[in-house]
Amino acid sequence: MVIIGITGGVGAGKSFILDHLEQQYGARILRTDDVAKELYEPGQKLNQRLQEELPESCFLPDGNVNRPELARLIYQDHRILEEVNALVHPMVMEAVLDAIALARGENVAYFVIESALLYDSDLNQLCDSKWYIYTSEEMRRDRLRETRGYSDEKITSIMENQLSEEEFRKKSDVVIDNNGTKMQGITQVDHAMERLEHGI
């Protein structure tokens, strides 16, 4: 089984590329954001550990994380983010390893890990090929304003906490330029997959 790691800045438009890999190549897709969201839910081990570590104000009466309050505290004190990540990252890794083991048992040919934090954790070490989806900052900003309703201030804050384009490129095996049409992006994906299939 070939494991592909896919990353890129926020708003890079990775979804249609993941959809193509799933539909055209039968790839098993795992989005670490989805894994983390599930771990945050009430009753999950992560949620319980966070309740032990964080102020009561970070939780709603039903046990869900009060995300605006947690974001406010993290903005005030970066150490809180480090504490949260120290809990989240190992549990996400455990869930990813379980999913990979399951896929191997089902003879899945391609397993794709999509994560904005591919290079901020040990996830990249699991990958046979690491892909960076490049989209210009201007296009990403337009997309985030239109599709998510983010303010310019929020977009800037998110972007400042992600790797630079240069760092993404340096650490990746494949760069997909996602500034053109969807077909142009898909053509690049197919070319990358062809190289993988031939062991190039």
N, C-alpha and C. Protein backbone atom coordinates (compact mmCIF):
# COMPACT_ATOMS: atom_id res chain seq x y z
N MET A 1 0.85 -1.20 0.00
CA MET A 1 0.00 0.00 0.00
C MET A 1 0.88 1.24 0.00
N VAL A 2 0.57 2.18 -0.86
CA VAL A 2 1.30 3.44 -0.94
C VAL A 2 0.58 4.48 -0.10
N ILE A 3 1.32 5.16 0.77
CA ILE A 3 0.74 6.20 1.62
C ILE A 3 1.19 7.56 1.11
N ILE A 4 0.21 8.39 0.79
CA ILE A 4 0.47 9.73 0.27
C ILE A 4 0.03 10.76 1.31
N GLY A 5 0.91 11.69 1.62
CA GLY A 5 0.55 12.79 2.50
C GLY A 5 0.26 14.03 1.67
N ILE A 6 -0.87 14.66 1.92
CA ILE A 6 -1.25 15.86 1.17
C ILE A 6 -1.42 17.02 2.13
N THR A 7 -0.77 18.14 1.81
CA THR A 7 -0.85 19.32 2.67
C THR A 7 -0.90 20.57 1.82
N GLY A 8 -1.05 21.69 2.47
CA GLY A 8 -1.12 22.97 1.78
C GLY A 8 -1.71 24.01 2.72
N GLY A 9 -1.55 25.26 2.36
CA GLY A 9 -2.08 26.32 3.20
C GLY A 9 -3.60 26.30 3.24
N VAL A 10 -4.15 26.96 4.26
CA VAL A 10 -5.61 27.03 4.41
C VAL A 10 -6.20 27.66 3.15
N GLY A 11 -7.29 27.06 2.63
CA GLY A 11 -7.95 27.59 1.44
C GLY A 11 -7.28 27.21 0.14
N ALA A 12 -6.39 26.20 0.18
CA ALA A 12 -5.65 25.82 -1.04
C ALA A 12 -6.52 25.04 -2.02
N GLY A 13 -7.69 24.58 -1.59
CA GLY A 13 -8.58 23.86 -2.50
C GLY A 13 -8.20 22.40 -2.67
N LYS A 14 -7.95 21.73 -1.56
CA LYS A 14 -7.49 20.33 -1.62
C LYS A 14 -8.63 19.34 -1.85
N SER A 15 -9.86 19.75 -1.57
CA SER A 15 -10.98 18.81 -1.56
C SER A 15 -11.21 18.11 -2.89
N PHE A 16 -11.18 18.87 -4.01
CA PHE A 16 -11.48 18.23 -5.30
C PHE A 16 -10.35 17.28 -5.70
N ILE A 17 -9.13 17.56 -5.25
CA ILE A 17 -8.00 16.66 -5.52
C ILE A 17 -8.19 15.36 -4.75
N LEU A 18 -8.62 15.47 -3.50
CA LEU A 18 -8.89 14.27 -2.70
C LEU A 18 -10.03 13.46 -3.32
N ASP A 19 -11.06 14.17 -3.78
CA ASP A 19 -12.20 13.48 -4.42
C ASP A 19 -11.74 12.72 -5.66
N HIS A 20 -10.85 13.33 -6.45
CA HIS A 20 -10.34 12.67 -7.66
C HIS A 20 -9.54 11.42 -7.30
N LEU A 21 -8.70 11.51 -6.29
CA LEU A 21 -7.90 10.36 -5.86
C LEU A 21 -8.80 9.22 -5.38
N GLU A 22 -9.87 9.58 -4.71
CA GLU A 22 -10.81 8.56 -4.19
C GLU A 22 -11.58 7.90 -5.34
N GLN A 23 -12.08 8.73 -6.25
CA GLN A 23 -12.94 8.20 -7.32
C GLN A 23 -12.14 7.51 -8.42
N GLN A 24 -11.00 8.07 -8.78
CA GLN A 24 -10.24 7.56 -9.92
C GLN A 24 -9.28 6.43 -9.53
N TYR A 25 -8.77 6.49 -8.31
CA TYR A 25 -7.73 5.53 -7.91
C TYR A 25 -8.15 4.64 -6.73
N GLY A 26 -9.36 4.84 -6.24
CA GLY A 26 -9.84 4.04 -5.12
C GLY A 26 -9.09 4.30 -3.83
N ALA A 27 -8.51 5.49 -3.71
CA ALA A 27 -7.71 5.82 -2.53
C ALA A 27 -8.60 5.94 -1.30
N ARG A 28 -8.08 5.47 -0.18
CA ARG A 28 -8.75 5.66 1.12
C ARG A 28 -8.28 7.01 1.66
N ILE A 29 -9.21 7.91 1.91
CA ILE A 29 -8.88 9.27 2.33
C ILE A 29 -9.09 9.43 3.83
N LEU A 30 -8.10 9.97 4.50
CA LEU A 30 -8.24 10.30 5.92
C LEU A 30 -7.85 11.76 6.12
N ARG A 31 -8.80 12.54 6.60
CA ARG A 31 -8.55 13.95 6.90
C ARG A 31 -8.31 14.08 8.39
N THR A 32 -7.13 14.56 8.77
CA THR A 32 -6.81 14.61 10.21
C THR A 32 -7.71 15.60 10.95
N ASP A 33 -8.22 16.62 10.26
CA ASP A 33 -9.17 17.55 10.89
C ASP A 33 -10.41 16.80 11.37
N ASP A 34 -10.90 15.87 10.53
CA ASP A 34 -12.08 15.08 10.90
C ASP A 34 -11.78 14.18 12.09
N VAL A 35 -10.57 13.59 12.10
CA VAL A 35 -10.16 12.73 13.21
C VAL A 35 -10.14 13.55 14.51
N ALA A 36 -9.54 14.73 14.45
CA ALA A 36 -9.42 15.57 15.64
C ALA A 36 -10.80 16.01 16.14
N LYS A 37 -11.69 16.38 15.21
CA LYS A 37 -13.04 16.81 15.61
C LYS A 37 -13.74 15.71 16.39
N GLU A 38 -13.59 14.49 15.93
CA GLU A 38 -14.21 13.36 16.63
C GLU A 38 -13.60 13.17 18.02
N LEU A 39 -12.29 13.35 18.11
CA LEU A 39 -11.61 13.17 19.40
C LEU A 39 -12.03 14.24 20.42
N TYR A 40 -12.42 15.41 19.93
CA TYR A 40 -12.82 16.51 20.81
C TYR A 40 -14.21 16.30 21.41
N GLU A 41 -14.99 15.37 20.85
CA GLU A 41 -16.39 15.22 21.26
C GLU A 41 -16.50 14.70 22.70
N PRO A 42 -17.58 15.07 23.39
CA PRO A 42 -17.79 14.61 24.76
C PRO A 42 -17.75 13.08 24.84
N GLY A 43 -17.11 12.57 25.89
CA GLY A 43 -17.01 11.12 26.07
C GLY A 43 -15.72 10.54 25.51
N GLN A 44 -15.08 11.27 24.59
CA GLN A 44 -13.82 10.80 24.03
C GLN A 44 -12.67 11.07 25.02
N LYS A 45 -11.62 10.25 24.93
CA LYS A 45 -10.50 10.36 25.86
C LYS A 45 -9.86 11.75 25.81
N LEU A 46 -9.72 12.31 24.60
CA LEU A 46 -9.11 13.63 24.48
C LEU A 46 -9.94 14.67 25.21
N ASN A 47 -11.26 14.64 25.01
CA ASN A 47 -12.14 15.59 25.68
C ASN A 47 -11.97 15.51 27.19
N GLN A 48 -11.89 14.29 27.70
CA GLN A 48 -11.74 14.10 29.14
C GLN A 48 -10.41 14.68 29.64
N ARG A 49 -9.34 14.45 28.87
CA ARG A 49 -8.02 14.97 29.27
C ARG A 49 -8.01 16.50 29.22
N LEU A 50 -8.65 17.07 28.20
CA LEU A 50 -8.69 18.53 28.09
C LEU A 50 -9.45 19.14 29.25
N GLN A 51 -10.51 18.47 29.70
CA GLN A 51 -11.28 18.98 30.83
C GLN A 51 -10.45 18.99 32.11
N GLU A 52 -9.49 18.08 32.18
CA GLU A 52 -8.58 18.05 33.34
C GLU A 52 -7.56 19.19 33.28
N GLU A 53 -7.19 19.59 32.05
CA GLU A 53 -6.09 20.54 31.88
C GLU A 53 -6.53 21.99 31.69
N LEU A 54 -7.71 22.20 31.11
CA LEU A 54 -8.13 23.55 30.73
C LEU A 54 -9.15 24.13 31.71
N PRO A 55 -9.30 25.46 31.74
CA PRO A 55 -10.30 26.09 32.61
C PRO A 55 -11.72 25.64 32.24
N GLU A 56 -12.59 25.69 33.20
CA GLU A 56 -13.98 25.26 33.00
C GLU A 56 -14.66 26.08 31.91
N SER A 57 -14.22 27.34 31.73
CA SER A 57 -14.84 28.22 30.72
C SER A 57 -14.63 27.71 29.30
N CYS A 58 -13.70 26.78 29.12
CA CYS A 58 -13.42 26.24 27.78
C CYS A 58 -14.41 25.16 27.37
N PHE A 59 -15.40 24.89 28.21
CA PHE A 59 -16.36 23.83 27.90
C PHE A 59 -17.79 24.32 28.08
N LEU A 60 -18.66 23.84 27.22
CA LEU A 60 -20.08 24.14 27.29
C LEU A 60 -20.74 23.18 28.27
N PRO A 61 -21.95 23.48 28.72
CA PRO A 61 -22.62 22.59 29.68
C PRO A 61 -22.77 21.14 29.19
N ASP A 62 -22.85 20.92 27.86
CA ASP A 62 -23.01 19.57 27.33
C ASP A 62 -21.68 18.83 27.16
N GLY A 63 -20.58 19.50 27.54
CA GLY A 63 -19.27 18.86 27.46
C GLY A 63 -18.49 19.18 26.20
N ASN A 64 -19.15 19.80 25.22
CA ASN A 64 -18.44 20.20 24.00
C ASN A 64 -17.46 21.33 24.31
N VAL A 65 -16.39 21.38 23.52
CA VAL A 65 -15.40 22.45 23.69
C VAL A 65 -16.00 23.78 23.27
N ASN A 66 -15.80 24.79 24.11
CA ASN A 66 -16.21 26.16 23.78
C ASN A 66 -15.09 26.76 22.92
N ARG A 67 -15.17 26.54 21.62
CA ARG A 67 -14.06 26.87 20.72
C ARG A 67 -13.69 28.36 20.72
N PRO A 68 -14.67 29.28 20.70
CA PRO A 68 -14.29 30.71 20.75
C PRO A 68 -13.49 31.05 22.01
N GLU A 69 -13.88 30.48 23.14
CA GLU A 69 -13.17 30.76 24.39
C GLU A 69 -11.78 30.14 24.37
N LEU A 70 -11.67 28.90 23.85
CA LEU A 70 -10.36 28.26 23.76
C LEU A 70 -9.45 29.05 22.82
N ALA A 71 -10.00 29.51 21.70
CA ALA A 71 -9.23 30.30 20.74
C ALA A 71 -8.75 31.60 21.39
N ARG A 72 -9.60 32.21 22.21
CA ARG A 72 -9.23 33.46 22.89
C ARG A 72 -8.07 33.23 23.85
N LEU A 73 -8.14 32.13 24.61
CA LEU A 73 -7.08 31.82 25.57
C LEU A 73 -5.77 31.50 24.86
N ILE A 74 -5.87 30.75 23.76
CA ILE A 74 -4.66 30.40 23.00
C ILE A 74 -4.01 31.66 22.43
N TYR A 75 -4.85 32.60 21.97
CA TYR A 75 -4.32 33.86 21.42
C TYR A 75 -3.56 34.63 22.49
N GLN A 76 -4.07 34.56 23.75
CA GLN A 76 -3.43 35.28 24.85
C GLN A 76 -2.17 34.58 25.35
N ASP A 77 -2.18 33.25 25.30
CA ASP A 77 -1.07 32.49 25.87
C ASP A 77 -0.74 31.31 24.97
N HIS A 78 0.36 31.43 24.21
CA HIS A 78 0.73 30.39 23.23
C HIS A 78 1.04 29.05 23.90
N ARG A 79 1.38 29.09 25.20
CA ARG A 79 1.68 27.83 25.90
C ARG A 79 0.47 26.92 25.97
N ILE A 80 -0.72 27.51 25.99
CA ILE A 80 -1.95 26.69 26.03
C ILE A 80 -2.06 25.89 24.74
N LEU A 81 -1.72 26.53 23.60
CA LEU A 81 -1.74 25.81 22.32
C LEU A 81 -0.77 24.63 22.37
N GLU A 82 0.40 24.84 22.93
CA GLU A 82 1.40 23.77 23.03
C GLU A 82 0.88 22.62 23.89
N GLU A 83 0.20 22.97 24.98
CA GLU A 83 -0.37 21.94 25.87
C GLU A 83 -1.46 21.14 25.16
N VAL A 84 -2.32 21.84 24.42
CA VAL A 84 -3.40 21.17 23.69
C VAL A 84 -2.80 20.26 22.61
N ASN A 85 -1.83 20.79 21.86
CA ASN A 85 -1.21 19.99 20.80
C ASN A 85 -0.50 18.76 21.35
N ALA A 86 0.09 18.90 22.53
CA ALA A 86 0.79 17.76 23.15
C ALA A 86 -0.18 16.62 23.47
N LEU A 87 -1.45 16.95 23.65
CA LEU A 87 -2.48 15.92 23.86
C LEU A 87 -3.07 15.44 22.54
N VAL A 88 -3.34 16.40 21.64
CA VAL A 88 -4.04 16.08 20.40
C VAL A 88 -3.18 15.24 19.44
N HIS A 89 -1.95 15.67 19.20
CA HIS A 89 -1.12 15.02 18.17
C HIS A 89 -0.91 13.53 18.39
N PRO A 90 -0.56 13.07 19.60
CA PRO A 90 -0.39 11.63 19.78
C PRO A 90 -1.68 10.83 19.55
N MET A 91 -2.82 11.41 19.93
CA MET A 91 -4.09 10.70 19.76
C MET A 91 -4.50 10.65 18.29
N VAL A 92 -4.21 11.72 17.56
CA VAL A 92 -4.47 11.72 16.12
C VAL A 92 -3.58 10.68 15.45
N MET A 93 -2.31 10.64 15.83
CA MET A 93 -1.38 9.66 15.26
C MET A 93 -1.87 8.24 15.52
N GLU A 94 -2.34 7.97 16.72
CA GLU A 94 -2.85 6.64 17.06
C GLU A 94 -4.02 6.26 16.16
N ALA A 95 -4.93 7.23 15.94
CA ALA A 95 -6.10 6.98 15.09
C ALA A 95 -5.68 6.75 13.64
N VAL A 96 -4.68 7.50 13.16
CA VAL A 96 -4.17 7.33 11.79
C VAL A 96 -3.55 5.96 11.62
N LEU A 97 -2.75 5.54 12.58
CA LEU A 97 -2.10 4.22 12.51
C LEU A 97 -3.14 3.10 12.49
N ASP A 98 -4.20 3.26 13.28
CA ASP A 98 -5.28 2.26 13.28
C ASP A 98 -5.96 2.19 11.91
N ALA A 99 -6.19 3.37 11.31
CA ALA A 99 -6.85 3.43 9.99
C ALA A 99 -5.96 2.83 8.91
N ILE A 100 -4.65 3.05 9.00
CA ILE A 100 -3.71 2.48 8.04
C ILE A 100 -3.69 0.96 8.16
N ALA A 101 -3.68 0.47 9.39
CA ALA A 101 -3.67 -0.99 9.61
C ALA A 101 -4.93 -1.62 9.03
N LEU A 102 -6.07 -0.97 9.22
CA LEU A 102 -7.34 -1.46 8.69
C LEU A 102 -7.30 -1.50 7.16
N ALA A 103 -6.77 -0.41 6.55
CA ALA A 103 -6.70 -0.33 5.09
C ALA A 103 -5.78 -1.41 4.52
N ARG A 104 -4.67 -1.66 5.19
CA ARG A 104 -3.75 -2.72 4.74
C ARG A 104 -4.47 -4.08 4.76
N GLY A 105 -5.24 -4.30 5.81
CA GLY A 105 -5.97 -5.56 5.92
C GLY A 105 -7.02 -5.73 4.85
N GLU A 106 -7.48 -4.60 4.29
CA GLU A 106 -8.50 -4.63 3.24
C GLU A 106 -7.88 -4.51 1.85
N ASN A 107 -6.53 -4.59 1.78
CA ASN A 107 -5.79 -4.53 0.51
C ASN A 107 -6.05 -3.25 -0.28
N VAL A 108 -6.16 -2.15 0.44
CA VAL A 108 -6.30 -0.84 -0.21
C VAL A 108 -4.96 -0.49 -0.86
N ALA A 109 -5.01 -0.01 -2.10
CA ALA A 109 -3.76 0.28 -2.83
C ALA A 109 -3.14 1.62 -2.43
N TYR A 110 -4.01 2.63 -2.20
CA TYR A 110 -3.51 3.97 -1.88
C TYR A 110 -4.23 4.51 -0.64
N PHE A 111 -3.44 5.02 0.28
CA PHE A 111 -3.99 5.62 1.50
C PHE A 111 -3.49 7.06 1.54
N VAL A 112 -4.43 8.00 1.64
CA VAL A 112 -4.08 9.42 1.61
C VAL A 112 -4.35 10.07 2.97
N ILE A 113 -3.32 10.70 3.52
CA ILE A 113 -3.46 11.47 4.76
C ILE A 113 -3.47 12.94 4.37
N GLU A 114 -4.59 13.62 4.60
CA GLU A 114 -4.65 15.06 4.31
C GLU A 114 -4.54 15.80 5.64
N SER A 115 -3.51 16.64 5.76
CA SER A 115 -3.30 17.36 7.01
C SER A 115 -2.57 18.67 6.77
N ALA A 116 -3.13 19.75 7.30
CA ALA A 116 -2.45 21.04 7.22
C ALA A 116 -1.18 21.01 8.07
N LEU A 117 -1.14 20.09 9.03
CA LEU A 117 0.00 20.00 9.96
C LEU A 117 0.89 18.81 9.65
N LEU A 118 0.94 18.42 8.39
CA LEU A 118 1.72 17.24 8.01
C LEU A 118 3.17 17.34 8.48
N TYR A 119 3.73 18.55 8.41
CA TYR A 119 5.14 18.73 8.77
C TYR A 119 5.34 19.24 10.20
N ASP A 120 4.24 19.43 10.92
CA ASP A 120 4.34 19.86 12.32
C ASP A 120 4.18 18.68 13.27
N SER A 121 4.14 17.49 12.72
CA SER A 121 3.98 16.28 13.53
C SER A 121 4.80 15.17 12.87
N ASP A 122 4.66 13.96 13.39
CA ASP A 122 5.39 12.83 12.81
C ASP A 122 4.63 12.16 11.67
N LEU A 123 3.48 12.73 11.29
CA LEU A 123 2.67 12.12 10.25
C LEU A 123 3.45 11.97 8.95
N ASN A 124 4.29 12.95 8.62
CA ASN A 124 5.01 12.91 7.35
C ASN A 124 5.94 11.70 7.25
N GLN A 125 6.38 11.17 8.40
CA GLN A 125 7.28 10.02 8.40
C GLN A 125 6.57 8.73 7.97
N LEU A 126 5.23 8.76 7.98
CA LEU A 126 4.46 7.59 7.55
C LEU A 126 4.32 7.53 6.04
N CYS A 127 4.62 8.65 5.37
CA CYS A 127 4.26 8.80 3.96
C CYS A 127 5.37 8.35 3.00
N ASP A 128 4.95 7.66 1.94
CA ASP A 128 5.87 7.29 0.86
C ASP A 128 6.09 8.45 -0.09
N SER A 129 5.09 9.33 -0.18
CA SER A 129 5.19 10.50 -1.05
C SER A 129 4.42 11.65 -0.40
N LYS A 130 5.05 12.82 -0.37
CA LYS A 130 4.44 13.98 0.27
C LYS A 130 4.15 15.06 -0.77
N TRP A 131 2.89 15.47 -0.83
CA TRP A 131 2.43 16.42 -1.85
C TRP A 131 2.06 17.75 -1.21
N TYR A 132 2.47 18.83 -1.87
CA TYR A 132 2.08 20.18 -1.45
C TYR A 132 1.15 20.75 -2.51
N ILE A 133 -0.05 21.15 -2.10
CA ILE A 133 -1.01 21.78 -3.00
C ILE A 133 -0.80 23.29 -2.91
N TYR A 134 -0.24 23.85 -3.98
CA TYR A 134 0.09 25.29 -3.96
C TYR A 134 -1.01 26.11 -4.62
N THR A 135 -1.47 27.11 -3.88
CA THR A 135 -2.40 28.10 -4.42
C THR A 135 -1.94 29.46 -3.93
N SER A 136 -2.00 30.47 -4.76
CA SER A 136 -1.51 31.79 -4.37
C SER A 136 -2.27 32.31 -3.15
N GLU A 137 -1.60 33.15 -2.39
CA GLU A 137 -2.22 33.72 -1.19
C GLU A 137 -3.48 34.51 -1.55
N GLU A 138 -3.41 35.27 -2.65
CA GLU A 138 -4.57 36.08 -3.07
C GLU A 138 -5.79 35.19 -3.34
N MET A 139 -5.58 34.09 -4.06
CA MET A 139 -6.68 33.18 -4.37
C MET A 139 -7.22 32.51 -3.11
N ARG A 140 -6.31 32.13 -2.21
CA ARG A 140 -6.73 31.50 -0.96
C ARG A 140 -7.55 32.47 -0.11
N ARG A 141 -7.11 33.73 -0.07
CA ARG A 141 -7.87 34.73 0.70
C ARG A 141 -9.27 34.92 0.11
N ASP A 142 -9.35 35.03 -1.22
CA ASP A 142 -10.66 35.20 -1.87
C ASP A 142 -11.57 34.01 -1.55
N ARG A 143 -11.00 32.80 -1.61
CA ARG A 143 -11.79 31.58 -1.37
C ARG A 143 -12.30 31.54 0.07
N LEU A 144 -11.45 31.90 1.02
CA LEU A 144 -11.84 31.85 2.44
C LEU A 144 -12.89 32.91 2.77
N ARG A 145 -12.79 34.07 2.11
CA ARG A 145 -13.81 35.10 2.34
C ARG A 145 -15.15 34.65 1.78
N GLU A 146 -15.12 34.04 0.59
CA GLU A 146 -16.36 33.67 -0.10
C GLU A 146 -17.01 32.42 0.50
N THR A 147 -16.20 31.38 0.75
CA THR A 147 -16.78 30.10 1.16
C THR A 147 -16.97 29.96 2.66
N ARG A 148 -16.11 30.62 3.44
CA ARG A 148 -16.19 30.47 4.90
C ARG A 148 -16.58 31.74 5.63
N GLY A 149 -16.60 32.86 4.89
CA GLY A 149 -16.99 34.12 5.51
C GLY A 149 -15.96 34.66 6.50
N TYR A 150 -14.69 34.26 6.32
CA TYR A 150 -13.64 34.71 7.24
C TYR A 150 -13.29 36.18 6.99
N SER A 151 -12.96 36.89 8.07
CA SER A 151 -12.47 38.26 7.94
C SER A 151 -11.00 38.24 7.53
N ASP A 152 -10.52 39.36 6.99
CA ASP A 152 -9.12 39.45 6.59
C ASP A 152 -8.20 39.22 7.79
N GLU A 153 -8.62 39.73 8.95
CA GLU A 153 -7.81 39.58 10.17
C GLU A 153 -7.68 38.10 10.55
N LYS A 154 -8.79 37.37 10.48
CA LYS A 154 -8.76 35.95 10.83
C LYS A 154 -7.90 35.17 9.83
N ILE A 155 -8.04 35.49 8.54
CA ILE A 155 -7.26 34.79 7.51
C ILE A 155 -5.76 35.02 7.75
N THR A 156 -5.39 36.27 8.03
CA THR A 156 -3.98 36.59 8.27
C THR A 156 -3.46 35.83 9.48
N SER A 157 -4.27 35.77 10.53
CA SER A 157 -3.87 35.06 11.76
C SER A 157 -3.61 33.58 11.48
N ILE A 158 -4.48 32.96 10.69
CA ILE A 158 -4.33 31.54 10.36
C ILE A 158 -3.09 31.33 9.51
N MET A 159 -2.92 32.17 8.50
CA MET A 159 -1.78 32.02 7.58
C MET A 159 -0.45 32.20 8.29
N GLU A 160 -0.41 33.10 9.26
CA GLU A 160 0.84 33.36 9.98
C GLU A 160 1.28 32.16 10.81
N ASN A 161 0.33 31.29 11.14
CA ASN A 161 0.64 30.11 11.95
C ASN A 161 0.94 28.88 11.10
N GLN A 162 0.98 29.06 9.77
CA GLN A 162 1.29 27.93 8.88
C GLN A 162 2.67 28.14 8.24
N LEU A 163 3.23 27.06 7.74
CA LEU A 163 4.53 27.14 7.09
C LEU A 163 4.49 28.08 5.88
N SER A 164 5.63 28.64 5.54
CA SER A 164 5.72 29.47 4.35
C SER A 164 5.70 28.57 3.11
N GLU A 165 5.43 29.20 1.97
CA GLU A 165 5.42 28.44 0.71
C GLU A 165 6.78 27.77 0.49
N GLU A 166 7.85 28.50 0.77
CA GLU A 166 9.21 27.97 0.57
C GLU A 166 9.43 26.70 1.41
N GLU A 167 8.97 26.74 2.66
CA GLU A 167 9.15 25.58 3.54
C GLU A 167 8.33 24.39 3.06
N PHE A 168 7.08 24.66 2.65
CA PHE A 168 6.24 23.58 2.12
C PHE A 168 6.92 22.91 0.92
N ARG A 169 7.41 23.74 -0.01
CA ARG A 169 8.04 23.21 -1.21
C ARG A 169 9.29 22.39 -0.89
N LYS A 170 10.08 22.88 0.04
CA LYS A 170 11.34 22.23 0.39
C LYS A 170 11.11 20.83 0.98
N LYS A 171 10.00 20.67 1.70
CA LYS A 171 9.76 19.42 2.42
C LYS A 171 8.93 18.42 1.62
N SER A 172 8.42 18.83 0.45
CA SER A 172 7.49 17.99 -0.31
C SER A 172 8.18 17.33 -1.51
N ASP A 173 7.67 16.15 -1.87
CA ASP A 173 8.18 15.42 -3.04
C ASP A 173 7.49 15.88 -4.33
N VAL A 174 6.23 16.30 -4.21
CA VAL A 174 5.42 16.70 -5.37
C VAL A 174 4.75 18.02 -5.05
N VAL A 175 4.75 18.93 -6.02
CA VAL A 175 4.02 20.20 -5.88
C VAL A 175 2.95 20.24 -6.97
N ILE A 176 1.69 20.37 -6.53
CA ILE A 176 0.57 20.51 -7.46
C ILE A 176 0.17 21.99 -7.48
N ASP A 177 0.31 22.63 -8.65
CA ASP A 177 -0.07 24.04 -8.79
C ASP A 177 -1.57 24.12 -9.01
N ASN A 178 -2.28 24.63 -8.01
CA ASN A 178 -3.74 24.64 -8.04
C ASN A 178 -4.30 26.03 -8.34
N ASN A 179 -3.55 26.81 -9.12
CA ASN A 179 -4.01 28.16 -9.47
C ASN A 179 -4.83 28.20 -10.75
N GLY A 180 -4.79 27.10 -11.51
CA GLY A 180 -5.51 27.08 -12.79
C GLY A 180 -6.88 26.44 -12.66
N THR A 181 -7.31 25.79 -13.75
CA THR A 181 -8.61 25.12 -13.75
C THR A 181 -8.51 23.79 -13.00
N LYS A 182 -9.67 23.23 -12.67
CA LYS A 182 -9.68 21.92 -12.01
C LYS A 182 -9.02 20.87 -12.90
N MET A 183 -9.27 20.93 -14.20
CA MET A 183 -8.69 19.96 -15.12
C MET A 183 -7.17 20.05 -15.13
N GLN A 184 -6.64 21.25 -15.03
CA GLN A 184 -5.18 21.41 -14.98
C GLN A 184 -4.62 20.78 -13.70
N GLY A 185 -5.35 20.94 -12.61
CA GLY A 185 -4.93 20.33 -11.35
C GLY A 185 -4.98 18.81 -11.42
N ILE A 186 -6.06 18.29 -11.99
CA ILE A 186 -6.23 16.85 -12.12
C ILE A 186 -5.14 16.24 -13.01
N THR A 187 -4.78 16.94 -14.07
CA THR A 187 -3.71 16.46 -14.97
C THR A 187 -2.40 16.28 -14.20
N GLN A 188 -2.10 17.24 -13.33
CA GLN A 188 -0.88 17.14 -12.51
C GLN A 188 -0.96 15.97 -11.53
N VAL A 189 -2.14 15.77 -10.95
CA VAL A 189 -2.34 14.65 -10.02
C VAL A 189 -2.13 13.32 -10.75
N ASP A 190 -2.73 13.20 -11.93
CA ASP A 190 -2.60 11.96 -12.71
C ASP A 190 -1.14 11.68 -13.07
N HIS A 191 -0.41 12.75 -13.39
CA HIS A 191 1.00 12.59 -13.72
C HIS A 191 1.79 12.10 -12.49
N ALA A 192 1.48 12.68 -11.33
CA ALA A 192 2.15 12.27 -10.09
C ALA A 192 1.83 10.82 -9.75
N MET A 193 0.58 10.43 -9.98
CA MET A 193 0.17 9.05 -9.68
C MET A 193 0.85 8.07 -10.64
N GLU A 194 0.99 8.49 -11.89
CA GLU A 194 1.66 7.63 -12.88
C GLU A 194 3.12 7.38 -12.47
N ARG A 195 3.76 8.44 -12.00
CA ARG A 195 5.16 8.30 -11.53
C ARG A 195 5.24 7.37 -10.33
N LEU A 196 4.25 7.49 -9.42
CA LEU A 196 4.22 6.61 -8.24
C LEU A 196 4.03 5.16 -8.64
N GLU A 197 3.09 4.95 -9.58
CA GLU A 197 2.79 3.58 -10.01
C GLU A 197 3.99 2.92 -10.68
N HIS A 198 4.85 3.74 -11.30
CA HIS A 198 6.03 3.21 -11.97
C HIS A 198 7.29 3.30 -11.11
N GLY A 199 7.09 3.73 -9.86
CA GLY A 199 8.20 3.80 -8.93
C GLY A 199 9.26 4.82 -9.30
N ILE A 200 8.83 5.90 -9.95
CA ILE A 200 9.77 6.94 -10.39
C ILE A 200 9.94 7.97 -9.28
